[in-house]
Amino acid sequence: MTTKSIPLTSELHAYLVAHGSPPDEVMLDLIKETRAHLPEDAQMQVAPEQAAFLTFLTRLLGARQAVEVGTFTGLSALAIARGLAEDGQLTCFDVSEEFTGIARRYWTRAGVDDRVQLRIGPAEETLRELPGDRHLDFAFIDADKVGYSAYWAELVPRMRPGGVIAVDNVLRDGRVLAPQDAGDRAIAAFNDEVLADVRVDPMMLPIADGLTLARVH
């Protein structure tokens, strides 16, 4: 089997970002602040091309009800909120007041804070507080990797027919081929679980660290 994917050099990545809805001033400032003040955790922030894709996808779906599991400093939530319909609502689940404190400032600056509801606490528990009916148009999972299966179990039954779940870091820097730690093993098992789930049509994209999209039946 041949492949047409090509490695991205830093120069080619910059070209790609510049030619696909590049981040505006608010997003650039958020990226810079995260890297400057949280250098050891900054890799948890989605890539700029992922942010653009999340806005595009949310708009494409006409999403009004969305969920994010794992918010960090809020770049992905900002991207999703910008793509929501005018009366849309994004519910974010995270465990850190510190990280999401940064997020809140930038949501306000971007004028989307009225679209975002933040819930602090273990997502496996707080997700259960969501209505049980199939009301969600879009969900994004980007949190602790060992929790992915539990979050999936809570979200899939709440997705409307045709709703989409996006899942980040499904390649683990390529370590899914030879898992080295608990997170790697959890993601490898999760990827197999998604592939076998008859409730969804999944596909995996080589965006950043791997992004799975799953359309729910």
N, C-alpha and C. Protein backbone atom coordinates (compact mmCIF):
# COMPACT_ATOMS: atom_id res chain seq x y z
N MET A 1 0.84 -1.19 0.00
CA MET A 1 0.00 0.00 0.00
C MET A 1 0.88 1.25 0.00
N THR A 2 0.62 2.17 -0.92
CA THR A 2 1.39 3.41 -0.98
C THR A 2 0.71 4.50 -0.18
N THR A 3 1.48 5.51 0.17
CA THR A 3 0.93 6.64 0.92
C THR A 3 1.23 7.93 0.21
N LYS A 4 0.29 8.87 0.28
CA LYS A 4 0.50 10.17 -0.33
C LYS A 4 0.70 11.25 0.73
N SER A 5 0.63 10.87 2.02
CA SER A 5 0.90 11.83 3.08
C SER A 5 2.37 12.21 3.05
N ILE A 6 2.66 13.47 3.33
CA ILE A 6 4.04 13.93 3.33
C ILE A 6 4.39 14.51 4.69
N PRO A 7 5.65 14.38 5.11
CA PRO A 7 6.07 14.99 6.38
C PRO A 7 5.96 16.50 6.30
N LEU A 8 5.62 17.12 7.41
CA LEU A 8 5.51 18.57 7.46
C LEU A 8 6.77 19.17 8.10
N THR A 9 7.55 19.87 7.31
CA THR A 9 8.64 20.65 7.89
C THR A 9 8.03 21.87 8.58
N SER A 10 8.82 22.57 9.38
CA SER A 10 8.30 23.76 10.05
C SER A 10 7.87 24.81 9.02
N GLU A 11 8.62 24.91 7.91
CA GLU A 11 8.27 25.88 6.87
C GLU A 11 6.97 25.50 6.17
N LEU A 12 6.79 24.22 5.89
CA LEU A 12 5.58 23.76 5.22
C LEU A 12 4.38 23.87 6.15
N HIS A 13 4.60 23.60 7.44
CA HIS A 13 3.52 23.75 8.41
C HIS A 13 3.06 25.20 8.48
N ALA A 14 4.00 26.14 8.50
CA ALA A 14 3.66 27.56 8.54
C ALA A 14 2.87 27.95 7.30
N TYR A 15 3.24 27.41 6.15
CA TYR A 15 2.51 27.68 4.90
C TYR A 15 1.09 27.14 4.99
N LEU A 16 0.97 25.92 5.50
CA LEU A 16 -0.35 25.28 5.65
C LEU A 16 -1.26 26.11 6.54
N VAL A 17 -0.74 26.55 7.69
CA VAL A 17 -1.55 27.35 8.61
C VAL A 17 -1.95 28.68 7.97
N ALA A 18 -1.00 29.31 7.29
CA ALA A 18 -1.26 30.62 6.69
C ALA A 18 -2.29 30.57 5.59
N HIS A 19 -2.45 29.41 4.96
CA HIS A 19 -3.37 29.28 3.84
C HIS A 19 -4.65 28.52 4.22
N GLY A 20 -4.94 28.43 5.51
CA GLY A 20 -6.16 27.75 5.93
C GLY A 20 -6.77 28.38 7.18
N SER A 21 -7.35 29.58 7.04
CA SER A 21 -7.94 30.30 8.17
C SER A 21 -6.94 30.44 9.32
N PRO A 22 -5.88 31.20 9.13
CA PRO A 22 -4.86 31.36 10.16
C PRO A 22 -5.44 32.00 11.42
N PRO A 23 -4.82 31.76 12.58
CA PRO A 23 -5.33 32.31 13.82
C PRO A 23 -5.31 33.83 13.82
N ASP A 24 -6.35 34.43 14.42
CA ASP A 24 -6.40 35.88 14.51
C ASP A 24 -5.61 36.35 15.73
N GLU A 25 -5.68 37.65 16.03
CA GLU A 25 -4.88 38.23 17.11
C GLU A 25 -5.21 37.61 18.46
N VAL A 26 -6.50 37.36 18.72
CA VAL A 26 -6.90 36.78 20.00
C VAL A 26 -6.29 35.40 20.17
N MET A 27 -6.41 34.57 19.15
CA MET A 27 -5.86 33.22 19.22
C MET A 27 -4.34 33.25 19.34
N LEU A 28 -3.70 34.13 18.58
CA LEU A 28 -2.24 34.21 18.64
C LEU A 28 -1.77 34.61 20.04
N ASP A 29 -2.48 35.55 20.66
CA ASP A 29 -2.11 35.96 22.01
C ASP A 29 -2.31 34.83 23.01
N LEU A 30 -3.38 34.06 22.83
CA LEU A 30 -3.63 32.91 23.71
C LEU A 30 -2.54 31.86 23.55
N ILE A 31 -2.16 31.59 22.32
CA ILE A 31 -1.08 30.63 22.06
C ILE A 31 0.22 31.10 22.71
N LYS A 32 0.55 32.38 22.54
CA LYS A 32 1.78 32.93 23.10
C LYS A 32 1.78 32.89 24.62
N GLU A 33 0.65 33.26 25.23
CA GLU A 33 0.58 33.25 26.70
C GLU A 33 0.72 31.83 27.24
N THR A 34 0.08 30.90 26.60
CA THR A 34 0.16 29.51 27.05
C THR A 34 1.60 29.00 26.97
N ARG A 35 2.26 29.29 25.88
CA ARG A 35 3.65 28.83 25.72
C ARG A 35 4.59 29.53 26.70
N ALA A 36 4.33 30.81 26.98
CA ALA A 36 5.22 31.58 27.84
C ALA A 36 5.05 31.21 29.32
N HIS A 37 3.81 31.01 29.76
CA HIS A 37 3.54 30.80 31.18
C HIS A 37 3.38 29.33 31.58
N LEU A 38 3.14 28.49 30.59
CA LEU A 38 2.96 27.06 30.88
C LEU A 38 3.81 26.24 29.91
N PRO A 39 5.11 26.47 29.88
CA PRO A 39 5.95 25.81 28.87
C PRO A 39 5.95 24.30 28.95
N GLU A 40 5.80 23.74 30.16
CA GLU A 40 5.82 22.29 30.30
C GLU A 40 4.50 21.64 29.90
N ASP A 41 3.43 22.44 29.84
CA ASP A 41 2.11 21.91 29.51
C ASP A 41 1.61 22.39 28.16
N ALA A 42 2.33 23.29 27.52
CA ALA A 42 1.83 23.94 26.31
C ALA A 42 1.50 22.96 25.19
N GLN A 43 2.13 21.78 25.21
CA GLN A 43 1.85 20.79 24.16
C GLN A 43 0.41 20.28 24.23
N MET A 44 -0.27 20.55 25.33
CA MET A 44 -1.68 20.12 25.44
C MET A 44 -2.61 21.01 24.61
N GLN A 45 -2.12 22.16 24.18
CA GLN A 45 -2.93 23.05 23.36
C GLN A 45 -3.06 22.50 21.94
N VAL A 46 -4.24 22.59 21.36
CA VAL A 46 -4.41 22.10 19.99
C VAL A 46 -3.56 22.93 19.04
N ALA A 47 -3.19 22.33 17.93
CA ALA A 47 -2.43 23.03 16.90
C ALA A 47 -3.33 24.07 16.23
N PRO A 48 -2.75 25.13 15.67
CA PRO A 48 -3.58 26.17 15.03
C PRO A 48 -4.44 25.64 13.89
N GLU A 49 -3.91 24.68 13.13
CA GLU A 49 -4.73 24.13 12.05
C GLU A 49 -5.89 23.29 12.59
N GLN A 50 -5.70 22.69 13.77
CA GLN A 50 -6.81 21.99 14.41
C GLN A 50 -7.89 22.96 14.84
N ALA A 51 -7.48 24.10 15.40
CA ALA A 51 -8.45 25.11 15.81
C ALA A 51 -9.28 25.56 14.62
N ALA A 52 -8.63 25.83 13.50
CA ALA A 52 -9.35 26.24 12.29
C ALA A 52 -10.31 25.14 11.83
N PHE A 53 -9.85 23.90 11.91
CA PHE A 53 -10.69 22.77 11.50
C PHE A 53 -11.90 22.62 12.41
N LEU A 54 -11.73 22.83 13.71
CA LEU A 54 -12.85 22.71 14.64
C LEU A 54 -13.92 23.76 14.35
N THR A 55 -13.51 24.98 14.05
CA THR A 55 -14.48 26.00 13.67
C THR A 55 -15.20 25.62 12.39
N PHE A 56 -14.44 25.19 11.41
CA PHE A 56 -15.01 24.78 10.11
C PHE A 56 -16.01 23.65 10.30
N LEU A 57 -15.63 22.63 11.07
CA LEU A 57 -16.47 21.46 11.26
C LEU A 57 -17.75 21.81 12.02
N THR A 58 -17.61 22.63 13.05
CA THR A 58 -18.78 23.03 13.84
C THR A 58 -19.77 23.79 12.97
N ARG A 59 -19.26 24.69 12.13
CA ARG A 59 -20.13 25.43 11.21
C ARG A 59 -20.77 24.50 10.19
N LEU A 60 -19.99 23.57 9.68
CA LEU A 60 -20.50 22.63 8.68
C LEU A 60 -21.67 21.82 9.22
N LEU A 61 -21.58 21.45 10.50
CA LEU A 61 -22.63 20.66 11.15
C LEU A 61 -23.83 21.51 11.55
N GLY A 62 -23.68 22.82 11.52
CA GLY A 62 -24.74 23.69 12.03
C GLY A 62 -24.99 23.44 13.51
N ALA A 63 -23.91 23.17 14.24
CA ALA A 63 -24.03 22.73 15.63
C ALA A 63 -24.61 23.82 16.53
N ARG A 64 -25.54 23.39 17.38
CA ARG A 64 -26.10 24.26 18.41
C ARG A 64 -25.74 23.78 19.81
N GLN A 65 -25.64 22.47 19.98
CA GLN A 65 -25.28 21.90 21.28
C GLN A 65 -23.98 21.12 21.13
N ALA A 66 -22.95 21.58 21.84
CA ALA A 66 -21.64 20.95 21.73
C ALA A 66 -21.05 20.73 23.11
N VAL A 67 -20.14 19.76 23.18
CA VAL A 67 -19.45 19.42 24.43
C VAL A 67 -17.97 19.30 24.15
N GLU A 68 -17.17 19.77 25.10
CA GLU A 68 -15.72 19.56 25.03
C GLU A 68 -15.26 18.93 26.34
N VAL A 69 -14.49 17.85 26.23
CA VAL A 69 -13.90 17.22 27.41
C VAL A 69 -12.40 17.48 27.36
N GLY A 70 -11.93 18.32 28.26
CA GLY A 70 -10.52 18.72 28.29
C GLY A 70 -10.35 20.07 27.62
N THR A 71 -10.33 21.13 28.41
CA THR A 71 -10.35 22.49 27.87
C THR A 71 -9.00 23.18 27.92
N PHE A 72 -8.18 22.87 28.93
CA PHE A 72 -6.86 23.48 29.10
C PHE A 72 -7.01 25.01 29.12
N THR A 73 -6.28 25.75 28.28
CA THR A 73 -6.36 27.21 28.30
C THR A 73 -7.36 27.76 27.29
N GLY A 74 -8.14 26.89 26.68
CA GLY A 74 -9.33 27.35 25.96
C GLY A 74 -9.25 27.59 24.48
N LEU A 75 -8.16 27.22 23.81
CA LEU A 75 -8.07 27.48 22.37
C LEU A 75 -9.09 26.68 21.58
N SER A 76 -9.20 25.39 21.86
CA SER A 76 -10.16 24.57 21.12
C SER A 76 -11.59 25.00 21.42
N ALA A 77 -11.87 25.36 22.67
CA ALA A 77 -13.22 25.82 23.02
C ALA A 77 -13.55 27.12 22.30
N LEU A 78 -12.59 28.02 22.21
CA LEU A 78 -12.79 29.26 21.48
C LEU A 78 -13.11 28.98 20.02
N ALA A 79 -12.38 28.04 19.43
CA ALA A 79 -12.61 27.68 18.03
C ALA A 79 -14.00 27.08 17.83
N ILE A 80 -14.40 26.19 18.72
CA ILE A 80 -15.72 25.56 18.60
C ILE A 80 -16.82 26.60 18.81
N ALA A 81 -16.67 27.43 19.83
CA ALA A 81 -17.69 28.43 20.13
C ALA A 81 -17.91 29.38 18.96
N ARG A 82 -16.83 29.73 18.28
CA ARG A 82 -16.95 30.62 17.12
C ARG A 82 -17.72 29.97 15.97
N GLY A 83 -17.71 28.64 15.92
CA GLY A 83 -18.41 27.95 14.84
C GLY A 83 -19.85 27.62 15.13
N LEU A 84 -20.29 27.81 16.37
CA LEU A 84 -21.66 27.46 16.74
C LEU A 84 -22.68 28.38 16.08
N ALA A 85 -23.89 27.87 15.94
CA ALA A 85 -25.00 28.70 15.51
C ALA A 85 -25.21 29.82 16.53
N GLU A 86 -25.92 30.86 16.13
CA GLU A 86 -26.06 32.05 16.97
C GLU A 86 -26.60 31.74 18.36
N ASP A 87 -27.49 30.77 18.44
CA ASP A 87 -28.08 30.39 19.73
C ASP A 87 -27.40 29.16 20.33
N GLY A 88 -26.18 28.85 19.87
CA GLY A 88 -25.49 27.64 20.29
C GLY A 88 -24.90 27.73 21.68
N GLN A 89 -24.62 26.54 22.24
CA GLN A 89 -24.05 26.44 23.59
C GLN A 89 -22.99 25.35 23.61
N LEU A 90 -21.82 25.70 24.15
CA LEU A 90 -20.74 24.74 24.34
C LEU A 90 -20.55 24.51 25.83
N THR A 91 -20.61 23.25 26.24
CA THR A 91 -20.36 22.89 27.63
C THR A 91 -18.98 22.26 27.72
N CYS A 92 -18.10 22.89 28.51
CA CYS A 92 -16.73 22.44 28.65
C CYS A 92 -16.53 21.74 29.99
N PHE A 93 -15.80 20.64 29.97
CA PHE A 93 -15.51 19.87 31.18
C PHE A 93 -13.99 19.84 31.39
N ASP A 94 -13.56 20.28 32.56
CA ASP A 94 -12.14 20.28 32.88
C ASP A 94 -11.98 20.18 34.39
N VAL A 95 -10.76 19.90 34.83
CA VAL A 95 -10.51 19.77 36.28
C VAL A 95 -9.69 20.91 36.84
N SER A 96 -9.20 21.82 35.99
CA SER A 96 -8.26 22.84 36.44
C SER A 96 -8.87 24.24 36.44
N GLU A 97 -8.95 24.85 37.60
CA GLU A 97 -9.36 26.25 37.69
C GLU A 97 -8.26 27.15 37.14
N GLU A 98 -6.99 26.76 37.35
CA GLU A 98 -5.87 27.58 36.89
C GLU A 98 -5.86 27.71 35.37
N PHE A 99 -5.87 26.59 34.68
CA PHE A 99 -5.80 26.63 33.22
C PHE A 99 -7.03 27.30 32.63
N THR A 100 -8.21 26.94 33.11
CA THR A 100 -9.44 27.49 32.54
C THR A 100 -9.64 28.95 32.92
N GLY A 101 -8.92 29.42 33.95
CA GLY A 101 -8.95 30.85 34.26
C GLY A 101 -8.39 31.66 33.10
N ILE A 102 -7.34 31.15 32.48
CA ILE A 102 -6.80 31.79 31.28
C ILE A 102 -7.83 31.72 30.16
N ALA A 103 -8.45 30.56 30.00
CA ALA A 103 -9.46 30.37 28.95
C ALA A 103 -10.58 31.40 29.06
N ARG A 104 -11.08 31.61 30.26
CA ARG A 104 -12.20 32.53 30.46
C ARG A 104 -11.87 33.94 29.96
N ARG A 105 -10.65 34.38 30.21
CA ARG A 105 -10.26 35.73 29.77
C ARG A 105 -10.31 35.86 28.26
N TYR A 106 -9.87 34.84 27.59
CA TYR A 106 -9.84 34.91 26.13
C TYR A 106 -11.22 34.69 25.52
N TRP A 107 -12.05 33.89 26.14
CA TRP A 107 -13.43 33.76 25.66
C TRP A 107 -14.14 35.10 25.74
N THR A 108 -13.91 35.82 26.85
CA THR A 108 -14.52 37.14 27.00
C THR A 108 -13.99 38.10 25.96
N ARG A 109 -12.68 38.09 25.77
CA ARG A 109 -12.07 38.98 24.79
C ARG A 109 -12.59 38.72 23.39
N ALA A 110 -12.83 37.44 23.07
CA ALA A 110 -13.31 37.07 21.74
C ALA A 110 -14.82 37.25 21.59
N GLY A 111 -15.50 37.55 22.70
CA GLY A 111 -16.95 37.77 22.64
C GLY A 111 -17.77 36.50 22.53
N VAL A 112 -17.22 35.37 23.02
CA VAL A 112 -17.98 34.12 22.95
C VAL A 112 -18.29 33.55 24.33
N ASP A 113 -17.97 34.31 25.39
CA ASP A 113 -18.16 33.79 26.74
C ASP A 113 -19.60 33.45 27.05
N ASP A 114 -20.55 34.11 26.37
CA ASP A 114 -21.96 33.81 26.61
C ASP A 114 -22.37 32.47 25.99
N ARG A 115 -21.52 31.91 25.14
CA ARG A 115 -21.82 30.64 24.49
C ARG A 115 -21.18 29.45 25.21
N VAL A 116 -20.34 29.74 26.21
CA VAL A 116 -19.55 28.68 26.85
C VAL A 116 -19.95 28.53 28.31
N GLN A 117 -20.26 27.30 28.68
CA GLN A 117 -20.52 26.95 30.08
C GLN A 117 -19.42 26.00 30.53
N LEU A 118 -18.75 26.36 31.62
CA LEU A 118 -17.62 25.57 32.11
C LEU A 118 -18.02 24.81 33.37
N ARG A 119 -17.72 23.52 33.39
CA ARG A 119 -17.98 22.69 34.56
C ARG A 119 -16.66 22.08 35.03
N ILE A 120 -16.33 22.37 36.29
CA ILE A 120 -15.08 21.88 36.86
C ILE A 120 -15.34 20.62 37.68
N GLY A 121 -14.56 19.58 37.38
CA GLY A 121 -14.69 18.32 38.10
C GLY A 121 -14.33 17.16 37.19
N PRO A 122 -14.18 15.96 37.74
CA PRO A 122 -13.86 14.78 36.91
C PRO A 122 -14.93 14.55 35.87
N ALA A 123 -14.55 14.57 34.60
CA ALA A 123 -15.53 14.52 33.52
C ALA A 123 -16.33 13.22 33.50
N GLU A 124 -15.73 12.12 33.94
CA GLU A 124 -16.48 10.87 33.96
C GLU A 124 -17.72 10.99 34.83
N GLU A 125 -17.64 11.85 35.85
CA GLU A 125 -18.79 12.07 36.73
C GLU A 125 -19.68 13.21 36.23
N THR A 126 -19.07 14.33 35.85
CA THR A 126 -19.86 15.50 35.47
C THR A 126 -20.58 15.31 34.13
N LEU A 127 -20.04 14.48 33.25
CA LEU A 127 -20.75 14.20 31.99
C LEU A 127 -22.11 13.56 32.24
N ARG A 128 -22.22 12.83 33.32
CA ARG A 128 -23.48 12.16 33.63
C ARG A 128 -24.58 13.14 34.01
N GLU A 129 -24.20 14.39 34.27
CA GLU A 129 -25.19 15.41 34.60
C GLU A 129 -25.87 15.97 33.36
N LEU A 130 -25.34 15.66 32.18
CA LEU A 130 -25.97 16.10 30.94
C LEU A 130 -27.29 15.37 30.72
N PRO A 131 -28.25 16.01 30.03
CA PRO A 131 -29.48 15.29 29.68
C PRO A 131 -29.16 14.00 28.96
N GLY A 132 -29.97 12.99 29.18
CA GLY A 132 -29.69 11.68 28.61
C GLY A 132 -30.20 11.48 27.20
N ASP A 133 -30.97 12.43 26.67
CA ASP A 133 -31.52 12.27 25.33
C ASP A 133 -30.46 12.60 24.28
N ARG A 134 -30.76 12.30 23.04
CA ARG A 134 -29.80 12.48 21.95
C ARG A 134 -29.86 13.92 21.43
N HIS A 135 -29.18 14.81 22.13
CA HIS A 135 -29.30 16.23 21.84
C HIS A 135 -28.01 16.89 21.35
N LEU A 136 -26.89 16.20 21.42
CA LEU A 136 -25.61 16.83 21.07
C LEU A 136 -25.32 16.74 19.57
N ASP A 137 -24.89 17.86 19.01
CA ASP A 137 -24.51 17.90 17.60
C ASP A 137 -23.03 17.59 17.40
N PHE A 138 -22.21 18.01 18.38
CA PHE A 138 -20.77 17.87 18.23
C PHE A 138 -20.12 17.69 19.60
N ALA A 139 -19.08 16.85 19.65
CA ALA A 139 -18.32 16.67 20.89
C ALA A 139 -16.84 16.55 20.52
N PHE A 140 -16.01 17.08 21.41
CA PHE A 140 -14.56 17.03 21.20
C PHE A 140 -13.93 16.48 22.47
N ILE A 141 -13.17 15.40 22.32
CA ILE A 141 -12.48 14.76 23.45
C ILE A 141 -10.99 15.02 23.33
N ASP A 142 -10.41 15.66 24.35
CA ASP A 142 -8.98 15.96 24.36
C ASP A 142 -8.53 16.12 25.81
N ALA A 143 -8.63 15.05 26.57
CA ALA A 143 -8.33 15.10 28.00
C ALA A 143 -7.36 13.98 28.35
N ASP A 144 -7.39 13.52 29.61
CA ASP A 144 -6.51 12.42 30.03
C ASP A 144 -6.82 11.18 29.21
N LYS A 145 -5.79 10.57 28.68
CA LYS A 145 -5.98 9.52 27.69
C LYS A 145 -6.61 8.25 28.27
N VAL A 146 -6.31 7.94 29.52
CA VAL A 146 -6.90 6.73 30.10
C VAL A 146 -8.40 6.88 30.31
N GLY A 147 -8.90 8.10 30.24
CA GLY A 147 -10.33 8.33 30.43
C GLY A 147 -11.14 8.33 29.15
N TYR A 148 -10.48 8.23 28.00
CA TYR A 148 -11.18 8.35 26.73
C TYR A 148 -12.35 7.38 26.59
N SER A 149 -12.15 6.14 26.96
CA SER A 149 -13.20 5.14 26.80
C SER A 149 -14.42 5.48 27.63
N ALA A 150 -14.19 5.98 28.85
CA ALA A 150 -15.31 6.36 29.71
C ALA A 150 -16.05 7.57 29.14
N TYR A 151 -15.33 8.53 28.60
CA TYR A 151 -15.98 9.71 28.02
C TYR A 151 -16.78 9.31 26.78
N TRP A 152 -16.21 8.45 25.99
CA TRP A 152 -16.90 7.93 24.81
C TRP A 152 -18.21 7.27 25.20
N ALA A 153 -18.18 6.46 26.24
CA ALA A 153 -19.37 5.74 26.69
C ALA A 153 -20.47 6.69 27.11
N GLU A 154 -20.12 7.83 27.68
CA GLU A 154 -21.12 8.81 28.10
C GLU A 154 -21.64 9.65 26.94
N LEU A 155 -20.79 9.90 25.95
CA LEU A 155 -21.15 10.83 24.88
C LEU A 155 -21.93 10.20 23.74
N VAL A 156 -21.53 9.02 23.31
CA VAL A 156 -22.17 8.43 22.13
C VAL A 156 -23.69 8.34 22.27
N PRO A 157 -24.24 7.88 23.40
CA PRO A 157 -25.70 7.80 23.52
C PRO A 157 -26.40 9.16 23.54
N ARG A 158 -25.63 10.24 23.73
CA ARG A 158 -26.21 11.59 23.80
C ARG A 158 -26.07 12.36 22.49
N MET A 159 -25.46 11.74 21.47
CA MET A 159 -25.28 12.40 20.18
C MET A 159 -26.53 12.21 19.32
N ARG A 160 -26.94 13.27 18.66
CA ARG A 160 -28.06 13.14 17.72
C ARG A 160 -27.64 12.30 16.53
N PRO A 161 -28.56 11.67 15.82
CA PRO A 161 -28.20 10.97 14.59
C PRO A 161 -27.53 11.95 13.61
N GLY A 162 -26.36 11.59 13.15
CA GLY A 162 -25.61 12.48 12.28
C GLY A 162 -24.65 13.38 13.02
N GLY A 163 -24.70 13.37 14.35
CA GLY A 163 -23.75 14.15 15.14
C GLY A 163 -22.35 13.57 15.04
N VAL A 164 -21.37 14.37 15.35
CA VAL A 164 -19.97 13.98 15.17
C VAL A 164 -19.19 14.14 16.47
N ILE A 165 -18.38 13.13 16.77
CA ILE A 165 -17.43 13.20 17.87
C ILE A 165 -16.03 13.27 17.28
N ALA A 166 -15.24 14.25 17.72
CA ALA A 166 -13.84 14.37 17.32
C ALA A 166 -12.96 14.02 18.51
N VAL A 167 -11.92 13.26 18.28
CA VAL A 167 -11.05 12.78 19.36
C VAL A 167 -9.60 13.08 18.99
N ASP A 168 -8.89 13.78 19.88
CA ASP A 168 -7.52 14.20 19.60
C ASP A 168 -6.50 13.20 20.14
N ASN A 169 -5.27 13.31 19.61
CA ASN A 169 -4.10 12.54 20.08
C ASN A 169 -4.25 11.04 19.90
N VAL A 170 -4.88 10.63 18.81
CA VAL A 170 -5.12 9.20 18.61
C VAL A 170 -3.90 8.48 18.01
N LEU A 171 -2.84 9.22 17.70
CA LEU A 171 -1.61 8.58 17.21
C LEU A 171 -0.50 8.57 18.24
N ARG A 172 -0.59 9.43 19.25
CA ARG A 172 0.38 9.45 20.35
C ARG A 172 1.82 9.52 19.84
N ASP A 173 2.04 10.47 18.93
CA ASP A 173 3.40 10.61 18.35
C ASP A 173 3.88 9.32 17.70
N GLY A 174 2.96 8.52 17.20
CA GLY A 174 3.30 7.26 16.54
C GLY A 174 3.43 6.08 17.49
N ARG A 175 3.29 6.31 18.79
CA ARG A 175 3.52 5.24 19.75
C ARG A 175 2.36 4.25 19.84
N VAL A 176 1.26 4.51 19.14
CA VAL A 176 0.18 3.50 19.11
C VAL A 176 0.68 2.21 18.47
N LEU A 177 1.73 2.30 17.68
CA LEU A 177 2.29 1.09 17.06
C LEU A 177 3.12 0.28 18.04
N ALA A 178 3.65 0.93 19.05
CA ALA A 178 4.45 0.25 20.08
C ALA A 178 4.28 1.02 21.38
N PRO A 179 3.13 0.83 22.06
CA PRO A 179 2.82 1.61 23.27
C PRO A 179 3.90 1.49 24.33
N GLN A 180 4.21 2.65 24.96
CA GLN A 180 5.28 2.69 25.94
C GLN A 180 4.80 2.99 27.35
N ASP A 181 3.61 3.56 27.50
CA ASP A 181 3.12 3.87 28.83
C ASP A 181 1.62 3.65 28.88
N ALA A 182 1.01 3.96 30.04
CA ALA A 182 -0.42 3.70 30.23
C ALA A 182 -1.27 4.50 29.25
N GLY A 183 -0.85 5.75 28.98
CA GLY A 183 -1.59 6.57 28.04
C GLY A 183 -1.56 6.00 26.64
N ASP A 184 -0.38 5.55 26.21
CA ASP A 184 -0.26 4.93 24.88
C ASP A 184 -1.15 3.69 24.78
N ARG A 185 -1.09 2.84 25.80
CA ARG A 185 -1.88 1.61 25.78
C ARG A 185 -3.38 1.92 25.78
N ALA A 186 -3.77 2.94 26.53
CA ALA A 186 -5.18 3.32 26.59
C ALA A 186 -5.67 3.80 25.23
N ILE A 187 -4.86 4.61 24.55
CA ILE A 187 -5.27 5.11 23.24
C ILE A 187 -5.31 4.00 22.20
N ALA A 188 -4.34 3.10 22.22
CA ALA A 188 -4.35 1.98 21.28
C ALA A 188 -5.60 1.14 21.46
N ALA A 189 -5.96 0.88 22.71
CA ALA A 189 -7.18 0.10 22.99
C ALA A 189 -8.42 0.89 22.60
N PHE A 190 -8.41 2.19 22.87
CA PHE A 190 -9.55 3.04 22.51
C PHE A 190 -9.76 3.07 21.00
N ASN A 191 -8.69 3.19 20.24
CA ASN A 191 -8.81 3.21 18.78
C ASN A 191 -9.46 1.93 18.26
N ASP A 192 -9.10 0.81 18.85
CA ASP A 192 -9.73 -0.46 18.46
C ASP A 192 -11.19 -0.48 18.85
N GLU A 193 -11.50 0.10 20.01
CA GLU A 193 -12.88 0.15 20.48
C GLU A 193 -13.75 0.97 19.54
N VAL A 194 -13.26 2.12 19.11
CA VAL A 194 -14.01 2.97 18.19
C VAL A 194 -14.23 2.26 16.85
N LEU A 195 -13.20 1.61 16.36
CA LEU A 195 -13.31 0.90 15.09
C LEU A 195 -14.37 -0.19 15.13
N ALA A 196 -14.53 -0.82 16.30
CA ALA A 196 -15.49 -1.92 16.45
C ALA A 196 -16.89 -1.45 16.85
N ASP A 197 -17.05 -0.17 17.13
CA ASP A 197 -18.34 0.35 17.61
C ASP A 197 -19.31 0.49 16.44
N VAL A 198 -20.35 -0.33 16.42
CA VAL A 198 -21.29 -0.35 15.30
C VAL A 198 -22.21 0.87 15.30
N ARG A 199 -22.14 1.70 16.34
CA ARG A 199 -22.99 2.88 16.41
C ARG A 199 -22.43 4.07 15.64
N VAL A 200 -21.19 3.94 15.16
CA VAL A 200 -20.54 5.08 14.51
C VAL A 200 -19.85 4.68 13.22
N ASP A 201 -19.62 5.68 12.38
CA ASP A 201 -18.75 5.55 11.21
C ASP A 201 -17.51 6.39 11.49
N PRO A 202 -16.38 5.74 11.80
CA PRO A 202 -15.18 6.50 12.16
C PRO A 202 -14.19 6.65 11.02
N MET A 203 -13.39 7.71 11.10
CA MET A 203 -12.22 7.83 10.23
C MET A 203 -11.15 8.58 11.00
N MET A 204 -9.91 8.23 10.75
CA MET A 204 -8.77 8.83 11.44
C MET A 204 -8.00 9.71 10.46
N LEU A 205 -7.75 10.95 10.87
CA LEU A 205 -7.05 11.91 10.01
C LEU A 205 -5.67 12.23 10.57
N PRO A 206 -4.67 12.41 9.72
CA PRO A 206 -3.32 12.73 10.19
C PRO A 206 -3.12 14.22 10.44
N ILE A 207 -4.02 14.79 11.23
CA ILE A 207 -3.91 16.20 11.61
C ILE A 207 -3.21 16.27 12.96
N ALA A 208 -2.11 17.03 13.03
CA ALA A 208 -1.33 17.15 14.27
C ALA A 208 -0.99 15.76 14.80
N ASP A 209 -1.46 15.39 16.01
CA ASP A 209 -1.14 14.11 16.61
C ASP A 209 -2.20 13.06 16.32
N GLY A 210 -2.95 13.26 15.26
CA GLY A 210 -4.00 12.31 14.89
C GLY A 210 -5.34 12.73 15.44
N LEU A 211 -6.34 12.80 14.56
CA LEU A 211 -7.68 13.22 14.94
C LEU A 211 -8.69 12.24 14.37
N THR A 212 -9.44 11.59 15.25
CA THR A 212 -10.52 10.70 14.79
C THR A 212 -11.82 11.46 14.73
N LEU A 213 -12.55 11.29 13.64
CA LEU A 213 -13.92 11.80 13.51
C LEU A 213 -14.85 10.60 13.46
N ALA A 214 -15.91 10.64 14.23
CA ALA A 214 -16.88 9.55 14.25
C ALA A 214 -18.28 10.11 14.09
N ARG A 215 -18.94 9.73 13.01
CA ARG A 215 -20.33 10.14 12.78
C ARG A 215 -21.25 9.11 13.43
N VAL A 216 -22.13 9.58 14.28
CA VAL A 216 -23.01 8.68 15.03
C VAL A 216 -24.26 8.40 14.22
N HIS A 217 -24.65 7.13 14.20
CA HIS A 217 -25.84 6.73 13.44
C HIS A 217 -27.11 7.26 14.09
